[in-house]
Amino acid sequence: MKRYCLALDLVNDPDLIKEYEIMHQQVWPEIQESITSAGIDAMEIYRYGNRLFMIMEVNGKFSFENKGAMDASNEKVQEWEKLMWKYQQAIPGSKPGEKWVLMDKIFDLKA
């Protein structure tokens, strides 16, 4: 199993951050299905201030290209992503329109 870690920022507004957390306690079933059907076996999101950190564990079926294509053709995912931009903002150094940014692994205790 492969693991990816990504980062994203939220708009630095306590009310919006609270709403965002509530939305993620009630993630739409279609979104959960889109995640698992893309080959993502586990996903966790952590927050510190307005910085988010996501850990994804994926199987051999997963690729970022495939997930992107699946999401682009899924109306419900597009609706969710549009709604999430109310709460999210690009992390410094990201490309225009880029949301979650892949982080580089720099240490592994077991390596």
PDB file of N, CA and C in Angstrom:
ATOM      1  N   MET A   1       0.844  -1.174   0.000  1.00  0.00           N
ATOM      2  CA  MET A   1       0.000   0.000   0.000  1.00  0.00           C
ATOM      3  C   MET A   1       0.896   1.246   0.000  1.00  0.00           C
ATOM      4  N   LYS A   2       0.531   2.208  -0.797  1.00  0.00           N
ATOM      5  CA  LYS A   2       1.291   3.448  -0.908  1.00  0.00           C
ATOM      6  C   LYS A   2       0.566   4.557  -0.141  1.00  0.00           C
ATOM      7  N   ARG A   3       1.345   5.489   0.405  1.00  0.00           N
ATOM      8  CA  ARG A   3       0.784   6.593   1.179  1.00  0.00           C
ATOM      9  C   ARG A   3       1.200   7.917   0.546  1.00  0.00           C
ATOM     10  N   TYR A   4       0.237   8.834   0.459  1.00  0.00           N
ATOM     11  CA  TYR A   4       0.493  10.197  -0.012  1.00  0.00           C
ATOM     12  C   TYR A   4       0.057  11.165   1.074  1.00  0.00           C
ATOM     13  N   CYS A   5       0.802  12.254   1.224  1.00  0.00           N
ATOM     14  CA  CYS A   5       0.459  13.307   2.167  1.00  0.00           C
ATOM     15  C   CYS A   5       0.355  14.612   1.388  1.00  0.00           C
ATOM     16  N   LEU A   6      -0.723  15.343   1.659  1.00  0.00           N
ATOM     17  CA  LEU A   6      -0.994  16.577   0.936  1.00  0.00           C
ATOM     18  C   LEU A   6      -1.374  17.681   1.910  1.00  0.00           C
ATOM     19  N   ALA A   7      -1.198  18.926   1.475  1.00  0.00           N
ATOM     20  CA  ALA A   7      -1.521  20.079   2.314  1.00  0.00           C
ATOM     21  C   ALA A   7      -2.409  21.050   1.549  1.00  0.00           C
ATOM     22  N   LEU A   8      -3.202  21.801   2.300  1.00  0.00           N
ATOM     23  CA  LEU A   8      -4.096  22.824   1.761  1.00  0.00           C
ATOM     24  C   LEU A   8      -4.417  23.785   2.894  1.00  0.00           C
ATOM     25  N   ASP A   9      -4.710  25.020   2.564  1.00  0.00           N
ATOM     26  CA  ASP A   9      -5.109  25.998   3.576  1.00  0.00           C
ATOM     27  C   ASP A   9      -6.602  26.262   3.509  1.00  0.00           C
ATOM     28  N   LEU A  10      -7.147  26.617   4.658  1.00  0.00           N
ATOM     29  CA  LEU A  10      -8.520  27.104   4.739  1.00  0.00           C
ATOM     30  C   LEU A  10      -8.489  28.621   4.816  1.00  0.00           C
ATOM     31  N   VAL A  11      -9.577  29.250   4.424  1.00  0.00           N
ATOM     32  CA  VAL A  11      -9.732  30.680   4.639  1.00  0.00           C
ATOM     33  C   VAL A  11      -9.642  30.882   6.147  1.00  0.00           C
ATOM     34  N   ASN A  12      -8.853  31.838   6.571  1.00  0.00           N
ATOM     35  CA  ASN A  12      -8.587  32.021   7.999  1.00  0.00           C
ATOM     36  C   ASN A  12      -9.728  32.778   8.670  1.00  0.00           C
ATOM     37  N   ASP A  13     -10.869  32.098   8.795  1.00  0.00           N
ATOM     38  CA  ASP A  13     -12.073  32.648   9.400  1.00  0.00           C
ATOM     39  C   ASP A  13     -12.656  31.560  10.303  1.00  0.00           C
ATOM     40  N   PRO A  14     -12.711  31.800  11.623  1.00  0.00           N
ATOM     41  CA  PRO A  14     -13.167  30.757  12.550  1.00  0.00           C
ATOM     42  C   PRO A  14     -14.552  30.190  12.223  1.00  0.00           C
ATOM     43  N   ASP A  15     -15.466  31.020  11.756  1.00  0.00           N
ATOM     44  CA  ASP A  15     -16.810  30.529  11.418  1.00  0.00           C
ATOM     45  C   ASP A  15     -16.768  29.604  10.201  1.00  0.00           C
ATOM     46  N   LEU A  16     -15.997  29.982   9.183  1.00  0.00           N
ATOM     47  CA  LEU A  16     -15.878  29.132   7.999  1.00  0.00           C
ATOM     48  C   LEU A  16     -15.154  27.830   8.329  1.00  0.00           C
ATOM     49  N   ILE A  17     -14.137  27.906   9.178  1.00  0.00           N
ATOM     50  CA  ILE A  17     -13.418  26.690   9.575  1.00  0.00           C
ATOM     51  C   ILE A  17     -14.358  25.740  10.309  1.00  0.00           C
ATOM     52  N   LYS A  18     -15.193  26.275  11.182  1.00  0.00           N
ATOM     53  CA  LYS A  18     -16.171  25.442  11.903  1.00  0.00           C
ATOM     54  C   LYS A  18     -17.140  24.785  10.917  1.00  0.00           C
ATOM     55  N   GLU A  19     -17.643  25.560   9.954  1.00  0.00           N
ATOM     56  CA  GLU A  19     -18.550  25.012   8.931  1.00  0.00           C
ATOM     57  C   GLU A  19     -17.864  23.897   8.142  1.00  0.00           C
ATOM     58  N   TYR A  20     -16.600  24.124   7.784  1.00  0.00           N
ATOM     59  CA  TYR A  20     -15.839  23.140   7.012  1.00  0.00           C
ATOM     60  C   TYR A  20     -15.727  21.826   7.790  1.00  0.00           C
ATOM     61  N   GLU A  21     -15.441  21.935   9.068  1.00  0.00           N
ATOM     62  CA  GLU A  21     -15.340  20.723   9.881  1.00  0.00           C
ATOM     63  C   GLU A  21     -16.688  20.000   9.969  1.00  0.00           C
ATOM     64  N   ILE A  22     -17.767  20.747  10.106  1.00  0.00           N
ATOM     65  CA  ILE A  22     -19.099  20.141  10.138  1.00  0.00           C
ATOM     66  C   ILE A  22     -19.381  19.426   8.814  1.00  0.00           C
ATOM     67  N   MET A  23     -19.037  20.074   7.688  1.00  0.00           N
ATOM     68  CA  MET A  23     -19.239  19.446   6.373  1.00  0.00           C
ATOM     69  C   MET A  23     -18.487  18.114   6.282  1.00  0.00           C
ATOM     70  N   HIS A  24     -17.327  18.031   6.924  1.00  0.00           N
ATOM     71  CA  HIS A  24     -16.530  16.812   6.841  1.00  0.00           C
ATOM     72  C   HIS A  24     -16.941  15.753   7.864  1.00  0.00           C
ATOM     73  N   GLN A  25     -17.891  16.071   8.704  1.00  0.00           N
ATOM     74  CA  GLN A  25     -18.503  15.064   9.568  1.00  0.00           C
ATOM     75  C   GLN A  25     -19.733  14.475   8.885  1.00  0.00           C
ATOM     76  N   GLN A  26     -20.119  15.092   7.753  1.00  0.00           N
ATOM     77  CA  GLN A  26     -21.304  14.675   7.002  1.00  0.00           C
ATOM     78  C   GLN A  26     -20.994  14.615   5.509  1.00  0.00           C
ATOM     79  N   VAL A  27     -19.850  14.059   5.147  1.00  0.00           N
ATOM     80  CA  VAL A  27     -19.443  14.008   3.739  1.00  0.00           C
ATOM     81  C   VAL A  27     -20.498  13.242   2.938  1.00  0.00           C
ATOM     82  N   TRP A  28     -20.880  13.823   1.816  1.00  0.00           N
ATOM     83  CA  TRP A  28     -21.906  13.210   0.976  1.00  0.00           C
ATOM     84  C   TRP A  28     -21.492  11.790   0.580  1.00  0.00           C
ATOM     85  N   PRO A  29     -22.453  10.860   0.549  1.00  0.00           N
ATOM     86  CA  PRO A  29     -22.130   9.467   0.176  1.00  0.00           C
ATOM     87  C   PRO A  29     -21.508   9.368  -1.217  1.00  0.00           C
ATOM     88  N   GLU A  30     -21.921  10.218  -2.141  1.00  0.00           N
ATOM     89  CA  GLU A  30     -21.360  10.191  -3.502  1.00  0.00           C
ATOM     90  C   GLU A  30     -19.876  10.560  -3.494  1.00  0.00           C
ATOM     91  N   ILE A  31     -19.485  11.414  -2.565  1.00  0.00           N
ATOM     92  CA  ILE A  31     -18.088  11.807  -2.454  1.00  0.00           C
ATOM     93  C   ILE A  31     -17.278  10.653  -1.869  1.00  0.00           C
ATOM     94  N   GLN A  32     -17.818  10.030  -0.845  1.00  0.00           N
ATOM     95  CA  GLN A  32     -17.140   8.870  -0.262  1.00  0.00           C
ATOM     96  C   GLN A  32     -16.970   7.767  -1.305  1.00  0.00           C
ATOM     97  N   GLU A  33     -18.009   7.548  -2.106  1.00  0.00           N
ATOM     98  CA  GLU A  33     -17.938   6.533  -3.165  1.00  0.00           C
ATOM     99  C   GLU A  33     -16.876   6.898  -4.203  1.00  0.00           C
ATOM    100  N   SER A  34     -16.789   8.170  -4.559  1.00  0.00           N
ATOM    101  CA  SER A  34     -15.788   8.592  -5.552  1.00  0.00           C
ATOM    102  C   SER A  34     -14.371   8.388  -5.028  1.00  0.00           C
ATOM    103  N   ILE A  35     -14.199   8.528  -3.736  1.00  0.00           N
ATOM    104  CA  ILE A  35     -12.882   8.338  -3.113  1.00  0.00           C
ATOM    105  C   ILE A  35     -12.495   6.857  -3.150  1.00  0.00           C
ATOM    106  N   THR A  36     -13.378   6.003  -2.665  1.00  0.00           N
ATOM    107  CA  THR A  36     -13.037   4.577  -2.596  1.00  0.00           C
ATOM    108  C   THR A  36     -12.958   3.933  -3.979  1.00  0.00           C
ATOM    109  N   SER A  37     -13.805   4.357  -4.898  1.00  0.00           N
ATOM    110  CA  SER A  37     -13.779   3.746  -6.234  1.00  0.00           C
ATOM    111  C   SER A  37     -12.527   4.135  -7.021  1.00  0.00           C
ATOM    112  N   ALA A  38     -11.834   5.181  -6.585  1.00  0.00           N
ATOM    113  CA  ALA A  38     -10.595   5.596  -7.244  1.00  0.00           C
ATOM    114  C   ALA A  38      -9.386   4.817  -6.736  1.00  0.00           C
ATOM    115  N   GLY A  39      -9.596   3.955  -5.741  1.00  0.00           N
ATOM    116  CA  GLY A  39      -8.485   3.165  -5.207  1.00  0.00           C
ATOM    117  C   GLY A  39      -7.887   3.722  -3.931  1.00  0.00           C
ATOM    118  N   ILE A  40      -8.617   4.622  -3.279  1.00  0.00           N
ATOM    119  CA  ILE A  40      -8.161   5.165  -1.999  1.00  0.00           C
ATOM    120  C   ILE A  40      -8.785   4.309  -0.902  1.00  0.00           C
ATOM    121  N   ASP A  41      -7.942   3.620  -0.146  1.00  0.00           N
ATOM    122  CA  ASP A  41      -8.420   2.709   0.890  1.00  0.00           C
ATOM    123  C   ASP A  41      -8.616   3.405   2.236  1.00  0.00           C
ATOM    124  N   ALA A  42      -7.838   4.440   2.484  1.00  0.00           N
ATOM    125  CA  ALA A  42      -7.951   5.175   3.754  1.00  0.00           C
ATOM    126  C   ALA A  42      -7.593   6.634   3.500  1.00  0.00           C
ATOM    127  N   MET A  43      -8.296   7.523   4.200  1.00  0.00           N
ATOM    128  CA  MET A  43      -8.026   8.951   4.077  1.00  0.00           C
ATOM    129  C   MET A  43      -8.318   9.611   5.416  1.00  0.00           C
ATOM    130  N   GLU A  44      -7.379  10.438   5.854  1.00  0.00           N
ATOM    131  CA  GLU A  44      -7.565  11.224   7.071  1.00  0.00           C
ATOM    132  C   GLU A  44      -7.172  12.659   6.764  1.00  0.00           C
ATOM    133  N   ILE A  45      -7.875  13.613   7.392  1.00  0.00           N
ATOM    134  CA  ILE A  45      -7.522  15.022   7.267  1.00  0.00           C
ATOM    135  C   ILE A  45      -7.340  15.580   8.671  1.00  0.00           C
ATOM    136  N   TYR A  46      -6.230  16.279   8.866  1.00  0.00           N
ATOM    137  CA  TYR A  46      -5.917  16.923  10.144  1.00  0.00           C
ATOM    138  C   TYR A  46      -5.844  18.425   9.910  1.00  0.00           C
ATOM    139  N   ARG A  47      -6.086  19.198  10.978  1.00  0.00           N
ATOM    140  CA  ARG A  47      -6.042  20.653  10.875  1.00  0.00           C
ATOM    141  C   ARG A  47      -5.207  21.243  12.000  1.00  0.00           C
ATOM    142  N   TYR A  48      -4.400  22.234  11.644  1.00  0.00           N
ATOM    143  CA  TYR A  48      -3.710  23.072  12.622  1.00  0.00           C
ATOM    144  C   TYR A  48      -3.938  24.506  12.173  1.00  0.00           C
ATOM    145  N   GLY A  49      -4.670  25.283  12.979  1.00  0.00           N
ATOM    146  CA  GLY A  49      -5.034  26.635  12.548  1.00  0.00           C
ATOM    147  C   GLY A  49      -5.850  26.538  11.278  1.00  0.00           C
ATOM    148  N   ASN A  50      -5.376  27.181  10.229  1.00  0.00           N
ATOM    149  CA  ASN A  50      -6.091  27.076   8.956  1.00  0.00           C
ATOM    150  C   ASN A  50      -5.366  26.171   7.953  1.00  0.00           C
ATOM    151  N   ARG A  51      -4.345  25.437   8.398  1.00  0.00           N
ATOM    152  CA  ARG A  51      -3.601  24.515   7.535  1.00  0.00           C
ATOM    153  C   ARG A  51      -4.173  23.114   7.676  1.00  0.00           C
ATOM    154  N   LEU A  52      -4.451  22.479   6.530  1.00  0.00           N
ATOM    155  CA  LEU A  52      -4.940  21.106   6.492  1.00  0.00           C
ATOM    156  C   LEU A  52      -3.829  20.181   6.020  1.00  0.00           C
ATOM    157  N   PHE A  53      -3.857  18.960   6.526  1.00  0.00           N
ATOM    158  CA  PHE A  53      -2.909  17.923   6.167  1.00  0.00           C
ATOM    159  C   PHE A  53      -3.705  16.649   5.918  1.00  0.00           C
ATOM    160  N   MET A  54      -3.590  16.081   4.720  1.00  0.00           N
ATOM    161  CA  MET A  54      -4.330  14.873   4.352  1.00  0.00           C
ATOM    162  C   MET A  54      -3.366  13.708   4.157  1.00  0.00           C
ATOM    163  N   ILE A  55      -3.742  12.571   4.707  1.00  0.00           N
ATOM    164  CA  ILE A  55      -2.995  11.329   4.493  1.00  0.00           C
ATOM    165  C   ILE A  55      -3.912  10.376   3.728  1.00  0.00           C
ATOM    166  N   MET A  56      -3.429   9.885   2.594  1.00  0.00           N
ATOM    167  CA  MET A  56      -4.186   8.913   1.798  1.00  0.00           C
ATOM    168  C   MET A  56      -3.378   7.638   1.676  1.00  0.00           C
ATOM    169  N   GLU A  57      -4.016   6.515   1.921  1.00  0.00           N
ATOM    170  CA  GLU A  57      -3.413   5.220   1.647  1.00  0.00           C
ATOM    171  C   GLU A  57      -4.167   4.633   0.463  1.00  0.00           C
ATOM    172  N   VAL A  58      -3.407   4.273  -0.568  1.00  0.00           N
ATOM    173  CA  VAL A  58      -4.022   3.867  -1.832  1.00  0.00           C
ATOM    174  C   VAL A  58      -3.561   2.477  -2.249  1.00  0.00           C
ATOM    175  N   ASN A  59      -4.370   1.851  -3.093  1.00  0.00           N
ATOM    176  CA  ASN A  59      -3.998   0.547  -3.635  1.00  0.00           C
ATOM    177  C   ASN A  59      -3.479   0.727  -5.072  1.00  0.00           C
ATOM    178  N   GLY A  60      -3.185  -0.370  -5.735  1.00  0.00           N
ATOM    179  CA  GLY A  60      -2.607  -0.330  -7.074  1.00  0.00           C
ATOM    180  C   GLY A  60      -3.501   0.268  -8.132  1.00  0.00           C
ATOM    181  N   LYS A  61      -4.771   0.388  -7.859  1.00  0.00           N
ATOM    182  CA  LYS A  61      -5.732   0.969  -8.800  1.00  0.00           C
ATOM    183  C   LYS A  61      -5.612   2.497  -8.872  1.00  0.00           C
ATOM    184  N   PHE A  62      -5.032   3.118  -7.839  1.00  0.00           N
ATOM    185  CA  PHE A  62      -5.028   4.576  -7.738  1.00  0.00           C
ATOM    186  C   PHE A  62      -3.943   5.244  -8.584  1.00  0.00           C
ATOM    187  N   SER A  63      -4.327   6.359  -9.211  1.00  0.00           N
ATOM    188  CA  SER A  63      -3.372   7.315  -9.782  1.00  0.00           C
ATOM    189  C   SER A  63      -4.030   8.687  -9.704  1.00  0.00           C
ATOM    190  N   PHE A  64      -3.217   9.723  -9.560  1.00  0.00           N
ATOM    191  CA  PHE A  64      -3.763  11.078  -9.509  1.00  0.00           C
ATOM    192  C   PHE A  64      -4.447  11.436 -10.825  1.00  0.00           C
ATOM    193  N   GLU A  65      -3.899  10.946 -11.935  1.00  0.00           N
ATOM    194  CA  GLU A  65      -4.485  11.232 -13.244  1.00  0.00           C
ATOM    195  C   GLU A  65      -5.876  10.603 -13.370  1.00  0.00           C
ATOM    196  N   ASN A  66      -5.989   9.344 -12.959  1.00  0.00           N
ATOM    197  CA  ASN A  66      -7.272   8.649 -13.017  1.00  0.00           C
ATOM    198  C   ASN A  66      -8.295   9.314 -12.094  1.00  0.00           C
ATOM    199  N   LYS A  67      -7.867   9.657 -10.886  1.00  0.00           N
ATOM    200  CA  LYS A  67      -8.778  10.312  -9.928  1.00  0.00           C
ATOM    201  C   LYS A  67      -9.248  11.649 -10.491  1.00  0.00           C
ATOM    202  N   GLY A  68      -8.344  12.416 -11.093  1.00  0.00           N
ATOM    203  CA  GLY A  68      -8.713  13.696 -11.686  1.00  0.00           C
ATOM    204  C   GLY A  68      -9.728  13.544 -12.801  1.00  0.00           C
ATOM    205  N   ALA A  69      -9.525  12.542 -13.654  1.00  0.00           N
ATOM    206  CA  ALA A  69     -10.462  12.291 -14.755  1.00  0.00           C
ATOM    207  C   ALA A  69     -11.827  11.848 -14.223  1.00  0.00           C
ATOM    208  N   MET A  70     -11.810  10.976 -13.219  1.00  0.00           N
ATOM    209  CA  MET A  70     -13.067  10.526 -12.620  1.00  0.00           C
ATOM    210  C   MET A  70     -13.823  11.705 -12.010  1.00  0.00           C
ATOM    211  N   ASP A  71     -13.103  12.557 -11.292  1.00  0.00           N
ATOM    212  CA  ASP A  71     -13.733  13.710 -10.647  1.00  0.00           C
ATOM    213  C   ASP A  71     -14.293  14.690 -11.662  1.00  0.00           C
ATOM    214  N   ALA A  72     -13.566  14.904 -12.749  1.00  0.00           N
ATOM    215  CA  ALA A  72     -14.002  15.856 -13.777  1.00  0.00           C
ATOM    216  C   ALA A  72     -15.301  15.421 -14.435  1.00  0.00           C
ATOM    217  N   SER A  73     -15.544  14.119 -14.490  1.00  0.00           N
ATOM    218  CA  SER A  73     -16.758  13.617 -15.133  1.00  0.00           C
ATOM    219  C   SER A  73     -17.884  13.323 -14.134  1.00  0.00           C
ATOM    220  N   ASN A  74     -17.666  13.622 -12.864  1.00  0.00           N
ATOM    221  CA  ASN A  74     -18.663  13.337 -11.831  1.00  0.00           C
ATOM    222  C   ASN A  74     -19.299  14.645 -11.365  1.00  0.00           C
ATOM    223  N   GLU A  75     -20.561  14.832 -11.725  1.00  0.00           N
ATOM    224  CA  GLU A  75     -21.290  16.064 -11.410  1.00  0.00           C
ATOM    225  C   GLU A  75     -21.333  16.360  -9.913  1.00  0.00           C
ATOM    226  N   LYS A  76     -21.540  15.331  -9.113  1.00  0.00           N
ATOM    227  CA  LYS A  76     -21.641  15.516  -7.663  1.00  0.00           C
ATOM    228  C   LYS A  76     -20.288  15.923  -7.072  1.00  0.00           C
ATOM    229  N   VAL A  77     -19.212  15.345  -7.560  1.00  0.00           N
ATOM    230  CA  VAL A  77     -17.875  15.730  -7.092  1.00  0.00           C
ATOM    231  C   VAL A  77     -17.612  17.185  -7.461  1.00  0.00           C
ATOM    232  N   GLN A  78     -17.995  17.578  -8.668  1.00  0.00           N
ATOM    233  CA  GLN A  78     -17.800  18.966  -9.088  1.00  0.00           C
ATOM    234  C   GLN A  78     -18.598  19.929  -8.206  1.00  0.00           C
ATOM    235  N   GLU A  79     -19.809  19.534  -7.841  1.00  0.00           N
ATOM    236  CA  GLU A  79     -20.637  20.344  -6.936  1.00  0.00           C
ATOM    237  C   GLU A  79     -19.958  20.479  -5.563  1.00  0.00           C
ATOM    238  N   TRP A  80     -19.441  19.360  -5.037  1.00  0.00           N
ATOM    239  CA  TRP A  80     -18.745  19.351  -3.741  1.00  0.00           C
ATOM    240  C   TRP A  80     -17.507  20.248  -3.792  1.00  0.00           C
ATOM    241  N   GLU A  81     -16.704  20.086  -4.849  1.00  0.00           N
ATOM    242  CA  GLU A  81     -15.473  20.869  -4.968  1.00  0.00           C
ATOM    243  C   GLU A  81     -15.764  22.363  -5.058  1.00  0.00           C
ATOM    244  N   LYS A  82     -16.797  22.722  -5.779  1.00  0.00           N
ATOM    245  CA  LYS A  82     -17.182  24.132  -5.871  1.00  0.00           C
ATOM    246  C   LYS A  82     -17.585  24.663  -4.496  1.00  0.00           C
ATOM    247  N   LEU A  83     -18.332  23.878  -3.748  1.00  0.00           N
ATOM    248  CA  LEU A  83     -18.736  24.256  -2.397  1.00  0.00           C
ATOM    249  C   LEU A  83     -17.523  24.383  -1.478  1.00  0.00           C
ATOM    250  N   MET A  84     -16.551  23.483  -1.603  1.00  0.00           N
ATOM    251  CA  MET A  84     -15.384  23.504  -0.730  1.00  0.00           C
ATOM    252  C   MET A  84     -14.513  24.745  -0.945  1.00  0.00           C
ATOM    253  N   TRP A  85     -14.518  25.305  -2.164  1.00  0.00           N
ATOM    254  CA  TRP A  85     -13.720  26.517  -2.420  1.00  0.00           C
ATOM    255  C   TRP A  85     -14.202  27.692  -1.581  1.00  0.00           C
ATOM    256  N   LYS A  86     -15.412  27.616  -1.054  1.00  0.00           N
ATOM    257  CA  LYS A  86     -15.890  28.660  -0.126  1.00  0.00           C
ATOM    258  C   LYS A  86     -15.004  28.694   1.116  1.00  0.00           C
ATOM    259  N   TYR A  87     -14.477  27.547   1.491  1.00  0.00           N
ATOM    260  CA  TYR A  87     -13.709  27.393   2.723  1.00  0.00           C
ATOM    261  C   TYR A  87     -12.197  27.335   2.483  1.00  0.00           C
ATOM    262  N   GLN A  88     -11.799  26.903   1.301  1.00  0.00           N
ATOM    263  CA  GLN A  88     -10.398  26.614   1.026  1.00  0.00           C
ATOM    264  C   GLN A  88      -9.721  27.773   0.295  1.00  0.00           C
ATOM    265  N   GLN A  89      -8.403  27.829   0.450  1.00  0.00           N
ATOM    266  CA  GLN A  89      -7.593  28.752  -0.349  1.00  0.00           C
ATOM    267  C   GLN A  89      -6.289  28.049  -0.700  1.00  0.00           C
ATOM    268  N   ALA A  90      -5.737  28.438  -1.807  1.00  0.00           N
ATOM    269  CA  ALA A  90      -4.505  27.804  -2.268  1.00  0.00           C
ATOM    270  C   ALA A  90      -3.384  28.020  -1.257  1.00  0.00           C
ATOM    271  N   ILE A  91      -2.577  27.005  -1.090  1.00  0.00           N
ATOM    272  CA  ILE A  91      -1.427  27.091  -0.206  1.00  0.00           C
ATOM    273  C   ILE A  91      -0.336  27.924  -0.908  1.00  0.00           C
ATOM    274  N   PRO A  92       0.436  28.716  -0.170  1.00  0.00           N
ATOM    275  CA  PRO A  92       1.506  29.493  -0.810  1.00  0.00           C
ATOM    276  C   PRO A  92       2.425  28.596  -1.647  1.00  0.00           C
ATOM    277  N   GLY A  93       2.730  29.049  -2.841  1.00  0.00           N
ATOM    278  CA  GLY A  93       3.595  28.298  -3.740  1.00  0.00           C
ATOM    279  C   GLY A  93       2.872  27.334  -4.659  1.00  0.00           C
ATOM    280  N   SER A  94       1.549  27.203  -4.512  1.00  0.00           N
ATOM    281  CA  SER A  94       0.810  26.293  -5.385  1.00  0.00           C
ATOM    282  C   SER A  94       0.549  26.953  -6.739  1.00  0.00           C
ATOM    283  N   LYS A  95       0.215  26.122  -7.710  1.00  0.00           N
ATOM    284  CA  LYS A  95      -0.101  26.607  -9.048  1.00  0.00           C
ATOM    285  C   LYS A  95      -1.518  27.188  -9.063  1.00  0.00           C
ATOM    286  N   PRO A  96      -1.813  28.098  -9.980  1.00  0.00           N
ATOM    287  CA  PRO A  96      -3.171  28.660 -10.059  1.00  0.00           C
ATOM    288  C   PRO A  96      -4.229  27.559 -10.182  1.00  0.00           C
ATOM    289  N   GLY A  97      -5.264  27.629  -9.344  1.00  0.00           N
ATOM    290  CA  GLY A  97      -6.345  26.648  -9.361  1.00  0.00           C
ATOM    291  C   GLY A  97      -6.032  25.342  -8.655  1.00  0.00           C
ATOM    292  N   GLU A  98      -4.810  25.160  -8.200  1.00  0.00           N
ATOM    293  CA  GLU A  98      -4.410  23.921  -7.528  1.00  0.00           C
ATOM    294  C   GLU A  98      -4.908  23.934  -6.090  1.00  0.00           C
ATOM    295  N   LYS A  99      -5.481  22.833  -5.678  1.00  0.00           N
ATOM    296  CA  LYS A  99      -5.965  22.713  -4.305  1.00  0.00           C
ATOM    297  C   LYS A  99      -4.922  21.990  -3.469  1.00  0.00           C
ATOM    298  N   TRP A 100      -5.175  20.730  -3.213  1.00  0.00           N
ATOM    299  CA  TRP A 100      -4.270  19.932  -2.386  1.00  0.00           C
ATOM    300  C   TRP A 100      -2.911  19.806  -3.063  1.00  0.00           C
ATOM    301  N   VAL A 101      -1.849  20.070  -2.317  1.00  0.00           N
ATOM    302  CA  VAL A 101      -0.482  20.028  -2.840  1.00  0.00           C
ATOM    303  C   VAL A 101       0.233  18.830  -2.210  1.00  0.00           C
ATOM    304  N   LEU A 102       0.825  18.016  -3.064  1.00  0.00           N
ATOM    305  CA  LEU A 102       1.555  16.833  -2.615  1.00  0.00           C
ATOM    306  C   LEU A 102       2.798  17.257  -1.844  1.00  0.00           C
ATOM    307  N   MET A 103       2.989  16.660  -0.679  1.00  0.00           N
ATOM    308  CA  MET A 103       4.143  16.970   0.171  1.00  0.00           C
ATOM    309  C   MET A 103       5.256  15.957  -0.082  1.00  0.00           C
ATOM    310  N   ASP A 104       6.489  16.400   0.079  1.00  0.00           N
ATOM    311  CA  ASP A 104       7.653  15.521  -0.063  1.00  0.00           C
ATOM    312  C   ASP A 104       7.967  14.865   1.278  1.00  0.00           C
ATOM    313  N   LYS A 105       8.189  13.561   1.238  1.00  0.00           N
ATOM    314  CA  LYS A 105       8.586  12.828   2.439  1.00  0.00           C
ATOM    315  C   LYS A 105      10.072  13.079   2.682  1.00  0.00           C
ATOM    316  N   ILE A 106      10.405  13.533   3.879  1.00  0.00           N
ATOM    317  CA  ILE A 106      11.805  13.835   4.178  1.00  0.00           C
ATOM    318  C   ILE A 106      12.386  12.975   5.295  1.00  0.00           C
ATOM    319  N   PHE A 107      11.551  12.181   5.980  1.00  0.00           N
ATOM    320  CA  PHE A 107      12.044  11.341   7.063  1.00  0.00           C
ATOM    321  C   PHE A 107      11.125  10.143   7.228  1.00  0.00           C
ATOM    322  N   ASP A 108      11.727   8.996   7.534  1.00  0.00           N
ATOM    323  CA  ASP A 108      10.991   7.778   7.824  1.00  0.00           C
ATOM    324  C   ASP A 108      11.751   7.026   8.903  1.00  0.00           C
ATOM    325  N   LEU A 109      11.179   6.913  10.088  1.00  0.00           N
ATOM    326  CA  LEU A 109      11.813   6.244  11.210  1.00  0.00           C
ATOM    327  C   LEU A 109      12.178   4.803  10.874  1.00  0.00           C
ATOM    328  N   LYS A 110      11.375   4.159  10.028  1.00  0.00           N
ATOM    329  CA  LYS A 110      11.580   2.736   9.713  1.00  0.00           C
ATOM    330  C   LYS A 110      12.495   2.511   8.524  1.00  0.00           C
ATOM    331  N   ALA A 111      12.965   3.575   7.898  1.00  0.00           N
ATOM    332  CA  ALA A 111      13.822   3.407   6.708  1.00  0.00           C
ATOM    333  C   ALA A 111      15.258   3.115   7.099  1.00  0.00           C
TER     334      ALA A 111
END
